[in-house]
């Protein structure tokens, strides 16, 4: 009930903005206020494009799937879609939604979608062009992407090095490096202190922090607000959530960087298909509800296992978080 009461003002803002006759004047402010909320997951795309633009579809409550690969050439000097590898109404709408979910009222985010999580990983690293990547374990596919990029660069770039602790970062890292944090990490769920690494990178200068947040999607974790330069998601997992759509995403604060990533994506052809994007958009509408229920179920299972292990072996399994920074990183 408390959560519903807290959400009510956001619902009223969205309702007024979407249905008011002069909604265009207030859409930008409403969209900013709603960033990061479950209401944004439902209404952010309508607020961004209420006046009729590149996502407009006659005010559909359930936006249609655009399968067209080509579009009528827009008038000279005007914006519009030409070829779907470059832009597409469904993808643009979904990127607006994900950006609103990943961002906050004080820190907007821009989302760029890819054909898979590994395509997104390739997109982030190939844009940053690091000589070295500080990384510790994690998803095997990330290391496969690094091997491919090393081969393409003739071994001159993308060389992996052991991830130092934030305290040792100054002695190990240098300008041009990338810190790759998969947190929580697959499969051991180790939690890295994103804020501490971001602070260390900022003090060094010229070091970028990329966070693979696949295991902790918003609203659990928003690594951009903790200082990360790029957040990567395999949208196949929590974000799509129904085992029917492969995809990936990069989220950034910098609009110029988002434009560069989209240009790179178009050049290498790692654009996601329209159906997968539409399925992802469907899933984002219920992301907050699903994550809250999944978190509650996981906690209940952990407590059950704790009781079982204590009873059988007298060994405590669960307890307070072992990471001092855990509470500051996660929101549920």
Protein backbone atom coordinates (compact mmCIF):
# COMPACT_ATOMS: atom_id res chain seq x y z
CA UNK A 1 0.00 0.00 0.00
CA UNK A 2 2.85 2.39 0.80
CA UNK A 3 4.38 1.68 -2.61
CA UNK A 4 1.05 2.29 -4.35
CA UNK A 5 0.59 5.58 -2.49
CA UNK A 6 4.08 6.72 -3.43
CA UNK A 7 3.42 5.86 -7.07
CA UNK A 8 0.07 7.68 -7.26
CA UNK A 9 1.53 11.19 -7.91
CA UNK A 10 3.59 9.78 -10.79
CA UNK A 11 0.51 8.17 -12.31
CA UNK A 12 -1.39 11.46 -12.10
CA UNK A 13 1.50 13.30 -13.79
CA UNK A 14 1.58 10.75 -16.58
CA UNK A 15 -2.19 10.84 -17.02
CA UNK A 16 -2.31 14.63 -17.23
CA UNK A 17 0.63 14.73 -19.67
CA UNK A 18 -0.70 12.03 -22.00
CA UNK A 19 -4.35 13.10 -22.11
CA UNK A 20 -4.13 16.89 -21.72
CA UNK A 21 -4.89 18.95 -24.83
CA UNK A 22 -1.72 21.00 -24.32
CA UNK A 23 0.39 18.01 -23.33
CA UNK A 24 3.23 18.91 -25.66
CA UNK A 25 4.32 21.79 -23.45
CA UNK A 26 4.64 19.64 -20.35
CA UNK A 27 5.87 16.33 -21.82
CA UNK A 28 9.59 17.03 -21.36
CA UNK A 29 9.20 17.96 -17.71
CA UNK A 30 6.93 14.99 -17.00
CA UNK A 31 9.32 12.58 -18.67
CA UNK A 32 12.20 13.88 -16.55
CA UNK A 33 10.25 13.52 -13.29
CA UNK A 34 9.27 9.96 -14.15
CA UNK A 35 12.75 8.69 -15.05
CA UNK A 36 13.66 5.50 -13.24
CA UNK A 37 10.11 4.74 -12.08
CA UNK A 38 7.81 1.89 -13.04
CA UNK A 39 5.50 4.56 -14.49
CA UNK A 40 8.26 5.53 -16.92
CA UNK A 41 8.35 1.94 -18.16
CA UNK A 42 4.72 2.33 -19.24
CA UNK A 43 4.50 5.96 -20.38
CA UNK A 44 7.98 7.32 -21.22
CA UNK A 45 7.72 6.66 -24.96
CA UNK A 46 4.33 8.40 -25.19
CA UNK A 47 5.64 11.43 -23.28
CA UNK A 48 8.72 11.71 -25.50
CA UNK A 49 6.76 11.58 -28.75
CA UNK A 50 3.28 12.83 -27.83
CA UNK A 51 3.37 15.62 -30.38
CA UNK A 52 3.83 13.19 -33.28
CA UNK A 53 7.30 12.41 -34.53
CA UNK A 54 9.49 9.53 -35.60
CA UNK A 55 7.76 7.14 -33.16
CA UNK A 56 4.20 8.42 -33.68
CA UNK A 57 1.59 5.77 -34.48
CA UNK A 58 -1.69 7.63 -34.01
CA UNK A 59 -1.54 7.36 -30.21
CA UNK A 60 -1.65 3.56 -30.06
CA UNK A 61 -1.86 2.33 -26.47
CA UNK A 62 -0.07 -0.83 -27.61
CA UNK A 63 2.47 0.33 -30.20
CA UNK A 64 2.57 -1.80 -33.36
CA UNK A 65 5.56 -3.74 -34.65
CA UNK A 66 7.24 -1.99 -37.59
CA UNK A 67 8.66 -4.66 -39.92
CA UNK A 68 9.52 -2.35 -42.79
CA UNK A 69 13.16 -2.35 -43.87
CA UNK A 70 12.82 0.76 -46.03
CA UNK A 71 10.82 3.98 -45.71
CA UNK A 72 9.65 6.75 -48.00
CA UNK A 73 12.49 9.23 -48.29
CA UNK A 74 11.85 12.21 -45.98
CA UNK A 75 11.78 15.75 -47.28
CA UNK A 76 15.22 17.39 -47.57
CA UNK A 77 16.28 18.85 -44.25
CA UNK A 78 13.69 16.90 -42.25
CA UNK A 79 14.16 13.93 -39.93
CA UNK A 80 12.76 10.55 -40.78
CA UNK A 81 13.54 6.89 -41.22
CA UNK A 82 15.22 5.70 -44.41
CA UNK A 83 16.63 2.22 -43.80
CA UNK A 84 15.98 0.10 -40.72
CA UNK A 85 19.62 -0.85 -40.16
CA UNK A 86 20.09 2.85 -39.37
CA UNK A 87 16.81 3.62 -37.57
CA UNK A 88 13.39 2.11 -37.04
CA UNK A 89 10.27 3.36 -35.19
CA UNK A 90 10.02 0.28 -32.96
CA UNK A 91 13.69 0.38 -31.98
CA UNK A 92 13.62 4.11 -31.35
CA UNK A 93 10.61 3.73 -29.07
CA UNK A 94 12.21 0.86 -27.15
CA UNK A 95 15.47 2.78 -26.69
CA UNK A 96 13.46 5.68 -25.28
CA UNK A 97 11.82 3.34 -22.79
CA UNK A 98 15.04 1.66 -21.67
CA UNK A 99 16.79 5.02 -21.32
CA UNK A 100 13.96 6.25 -19.10
CA UNK A 101 14.17 3.10 -16.97
CA UNK A 102 17.97 3.23 -16.59
CA UNK A 103 18.03 6.97 -15.86
CA UNK A 104 16.86 9.03 -12.91
CA UNK A 105 15.23 12.48 -12.68
CA UNK A 106 18.65 14.07 -12.10
CA UNK A 107 20.66 11.80 -14.43
CA UNK A 108 19.16 11.00 -17.85
CA UNK A 109 20.37 7.93 -19.73
CA UNK A 110 20.50 7.08 -23.44
CA UNK A 111 20.07 3.47 -24.55
CA UNK A 112 21.49 1.84 -27.69
CA UNK A 113 20.14 -1.61 -28.60
CA UNK A 114 22.10 -4.45 -30.21
CA UNK A 115 21.45 -7.88 -31.69
CA UNK A 116 22.90 -9.62 -28.61
CA UNK A 117 24.73 -8.95 -25.37
CA UNK A 118 28.02 -9.86 -27.01
CA UNK A 119 27.30 -7.46 -29.87
CA UNK A 120 26.82 -4.76 -27.23
CA UNK A 121 30.10 -5.78 -25.56
CA UNK A 122 31.87 -5.56 -28.92
CA UNK A 123 30.26 -2.16 -29.52
CA UNK A 124 31.44 -0.72 -26.19
CA UNK A 125 35.02 -1.99 -26.41
CA UNK A 126 35.51 -1.16 -30.11
CA UNK A 127 34.36 2.42 -29.46
CA UNK A 128 36.66 2.88 -26.42
CA UNK A 129 39.68 1.16 -28.08
CA UNK A 130 41.58 0.40 -24.85
CA UNK A 131 45.13 -0.91 -24.87
CA UNK A 132 44.29 -2.97 -21.78
CA UNK A 133 41.11 -4.22 -20.16
CA UNK A 134 41.14 -4.89 -16.41
CA UNK A 135 38.77 -7.80 -15.85
CA UNK A 136 38.20 -10.60 -13.36
CA UNK A 137 36.42 -13.77 -14.46
CA UNK A 138 32.78 -13.44 -15.38
CA UNK A 139 30.90 -14.42 -18.50
CA UNK A 140 32.99 -16.47 -20.92
CA UNK A 141 31.54 -14.63 -23.92
CA UNK A 142 33.11 -11.36 -22.79
CA UNK A 143 36.54 -12.98 -22.95
CA UNK A 144 35.73 -14.36 -26.42
CA UNK A 145 34.96 -10.83 -27.60
CA UNK A 146 38.28 -9.64 -26.16
CA UNK A 147 40.09 -12.42 -28.05
CA UNK A 148 38.41 -11.38 -31.30
CA UNK A 149 39.31 -7.72 -30.80
CA UNK A 150 42.90 -8.63 -29.90
CA UNK A 151 43.16 -10.60 -33.14
CA UNK A 152 41.69 -7.77 -35.20
CA UNK A 153 44.12 -5.27 -33.64
CA UNK A 154 47.11 -7.54 -34.20
CA UNK A 155 47.62 -7.83 -30.45
CA UNK A 156 48.19 -4.09 -30.02
CA UNK A 157 45.02 -3.46 -28.04
CA UNK A 158 42.39 -5.10 -25.80
CA UNK A 159 44.90 -7.04 -23.74
CA UNK A 160 43.28 -8.37 -20.55
CA UNK A 161 44.95 -7.74 -17.19
CA UNK A 162 43.86 -8.87 -13.72
CA UNK A 163 41.37 -6.50 -12.16
CA UNK A 164 43.04 -4.68 -9.26
CA UNK A 165 41.22 -3.66 -6.11
CA UNK A 166 40.03 -0.04 -6.06
CA UNK A 167 42.80 0.68 -3.52
CA UNK A 168 45.48 -0.69 -5.89
CA UNK A 169 44.03 0.86 -9.05
CA UNK A 170 46.38 3.86 -9.04
CA UNK A 171 49.43 1.59 -9.04
CA UNK A 172 48.15 -0.73 -11.79
CA UNK A 173 45.96 1.23 -14.20
CA UNK A 174 47.05 3.87 -16.68
CA UNK A 175 45.46 6.27 -19.13
CA UNK A 176 43.60 4.47 -21.91
CA UNK A 177 42.66 1.42 -19.84
CA UNK A 178 39.12 0.13 -19.41
CA UNK A 179 37.85 -1.36 -16.17
CA UNK A 180 35.27 -4.03 -16.99
CA UNK A 181 33.07 -4.85 -14.00
CA UNK A 182 30.53 -7.64 -14.22
CA UNK A 183 28.52 -7.12 -11.06
CA UNK A 184 26.96 -9.24 -9.75
CA UNK A 185 29.38 -11.56 -11.52
CA UNK A 186 28.38 -14.72 -13.38
CA UNK A 187 28.29 -17.33 -11.88
CA UNK A 188 29.50 -16.59 -8.33
CA UNK A 189 27.49 -13.34 -7.87
CA UNK A 190 30.50 -11.43 -6.52
CA UNK A 191 29.57 -7.76 -6.10
CA UNK A 192 32.10 -5.11 -7.14
CA UNK A 193 32.21 -1.62 -5.64
CA UNK A 194 31.30 0.35 -8.75
CA UNK A 195 31.51 3.74 -7.03
CA UNK A 196 35.01 3.02 -5.67
CA UNK A 197 36.30 1.98 -9.11
CA UNK A 198 34.66 5.02 -10.72
CA UNK A 199 36.31 7.31 -8.17
CA UNK A 200 39.70 5.68 -8.77
CA UNK A 201 39.29 6.00 -12.56
CA UNK A 202 38.35 9.66 -12.24
CA UNK A 203 41.42 10.39 -10.10
CA UNK A 204 43.70 8.68 -12.61
CA UNK A 205 42.13 10.34 -15.64
CA UNK A 206 41.62 8.67 -19.01
CA UNK A 207 40.34 5.39 -17.52
CA UNK A 208 36.81 4.27 -18.43
CA UNK A 209 34.55 2.05 -16.31
CA UNK A 210 32.10 -0.28 -18.06
CA UNK A 211 29.61 -2.26 -15.96
CA UNK A 212 27.91 -5.43 -17.15
CA UNK A 213 24.71 -5.13 -15.12
CA UNK A 214 22.93 -8.11 -16.66
CA UNK A 215 22.49 -9.83 -13.27
CA UNK A 216 21.19 -6.64 -11.61
CA UNK A 217 18.93 -4.66 -13.96
CA UNK A 218 17.17 -1.50 -12.91
CA UNK A 219 15.58 -0.97 -10.46
CA UNK A 220 18.07 -3.17 -8.56
CA UNK A 221 21.19 -1.33 -9.76
CA UNK A 222 21.83 1.84 -11.77
CA UNK A 223 25.56 1.89 -12.33
CA UNK A 224 25.51 5.18 -14.26
CA UNK A 225 24.48 6.96 -11.06
CA UNK A 226 27.43 5.25 -9.31
CA UNK A 227 29.89 6.76 -11.79
CA UNK A 228 30.16 4.16 -14.57
CA UNK A 229 30.75 5.47 -18.09
CA UNK A 230 28.79 2.70 -19.85
CA UNK A 231 26.32 0.11 -18.61
CA UNK A 232 25.91 -3.08 -20.63
CA UNK A 233 22.92 -5.43 -20.48
CA UNK A 234 22.29 -8.74 -22.13
CA UNK A 235 18.62 -7.91 -22.60
CA UNK A 236 18.01 -11.62 -23.26
CA UNK A 237 18.03 -12.19 -19.50
CA UNK A 238 16.10 -10.05 -16.99
CA UNK A 239 15.08 -7.20 -19.28
CA UNK A 240 13.31 -9.35 -21.88
CA UNK A 241 12.59 -11.94 -19.23
CA UNK A 242 10.53 -14.47 -21.21
CA UNK A 243 13.22 -16.55 -23.01
CA UNK A 244 11.97 -15.44 -26.41
CA UNK A 245 14.15 -12.48 -27.48
CA UNK A 246 17.93 -12.30 -27.80
CA UNK A 247 19.41 -8.82 -27.53
CA UNK A 248 21.84 -6.45 -25.86
CA UNK A 249 21.99 -2.81 -24.82
CA UNK A 250 24.44 -0.10 -23.87
CA UNK A 251 23.29 2.78 -21.67
CA UNK A 252 25.26 6.02 -21.36
CA UNK A 253 24.81 9.53 -20.00
CA UNK A 254 26.54 11.32 -22.89
CA UNK A 255 24.28 11.98 -25.89
CA UNK A 256 27.30 12.35 -28.21
CA UNK A 257 28.63 8.94 -27.14
CA UNK A 258 25.21 7.39 -27.77
CA UNK A 259 25.22 8.84 -31.31
CA UNK A 260 28.72 7.43 -31.93
CA UNK A 261 27.65 4.00 -30.71
CA UNK A 262 24.64 4.05 -33.04
CA UNK A 263 26.84 5.03 -35.98
CA UNK A 264 29.24 2.16 -35.16
CA UNK A 265 26.30 -0.24 -34.83
CA UNK A 266 25.01 0.73 -38.24
CA UNK A 267 28.48 0.35 -39.80
CA UNK A 268 29.09 -3.18 -38.50
CA UNK A 269 25.47 -4.34 -38.85
CA UNK A 270 24.83 -5.34 -35.22
CA UNK A 271 21.32 -3.87 -35.28
CA UNK A 272 18.64 -5.97 -33.53
CA UNK A 273 15.64 -7.30 -35.41
CA UNK A 274 12.33 -5.46 -35.07
CA UNK A 275 10.50 -8.46 -33.57
CA UNK A 276 13.08 -8.94 -30.81
CA UNK A 277 12.95 -5.23 -30.03
CA UNK A 278 9.14 -5.27 -29.88
CA UNK A 279 9.23 -8.27 -27.52
CA UNK A 280 11.76 -6.45 -25.35
CA UNK A 281 9.54 -3.36 -25.27
CA UNK A 282 6.61 -5.53 -24.17
CA UNK A 283 8.73 -6.90 -21.34
CA UNK A 284 10.06 -3.55 -20.14
CA UNK A 285 6.50 -2.49 -19.26
CA UNK A 286 6.48 -5.02 -16.41
CA UNK A 287 10.18 -4.99 -15.47
CA UNK A 288 9.75 -3.40 -12.04
CA UNK A 289 7.00 -5.80 -11.05
CA UNK A 290 8.97 -8.83 -12.22
CA UNK A 291 12.22 -7.79 -10.52
CA UNK A 292 10.48 -7.07 -7.22
CA UNK A 293 8.78 -10.48 -7.25
CA UNK A 294 11.97 -12.28 -8.34
CA UNK A 295 13.90 -10.58 -5.55
CA UNK A 296 11.29 -11.55 -2.97
CA UNK A 297 11.28 -15.15 -4.21
CA UNK A 298 15.09 -15.31 -4.14
CA UNK A 299 15.14 -13.99 -0.57
CA UNK A 300 12.55 -16.57 0.49
CA UNK A 301 14.57 -19.35 -1.14
CA UNK A 302 17.79 -18.15 0.54
CA UNK A 303 16.11 -18.19 3.95
CA UNK A 304 14.73 -21.69 3.30
CA UNK A 305 18.20 -22.93 2.31
CA UNK A 306 19.69 -21.25 5.37
CA UNK A 307 17.29 -23.07 7.66
CA UNK A 308 17.90 -26.36 5.87
CA UNK A 309 21.69 -26.06 6.06
CA UNK A 310 21.60 -25.01 9.71
CA UNK A 311 19.40 -28.00 10.52
CA UNK A 312 21.50 -30.52 8.60
CA UNK A 313 25.03 -29.25 9.20
CA UNK A 314 24.81 -26.51 11.78
CA UNK A 315 26.39 -24.15 9.27
CA UNK A 316 24.95 -20.67 8.60
CA UNK A 317 24.45 -20.06 4.90
CA UNK A 318 22.63 -16.75 4.82
CA UNK A 319 23.14 -13.62 6.86
CA UNK A 320 24.03 -9.96 6.48
CA UNK A 321 25.64 -8.96 3.15
CA UNK A 322 29.39 -9.60 3.13
CA UNK A 323 30.04 -6.53 0.96
CA UNK A 324 30.10 -3.20 2.78
CA UNK A 325 28.94 -1.42 -0.40
CA UNK A 326 26.01 -3.80 -1.08
CA UNK A 327 23.32 -1.60 0.43
CA UNK A 328 24.43 1.50 -1.50
CA UNK A 329 24.35 -0.35 -4.85
CA UNK A 330 21.03 -2.16 -4.79
CA UNK A 331 17.58 -0.69 -4.34
CA UNK A 332 15.44 -3.73 -3.49
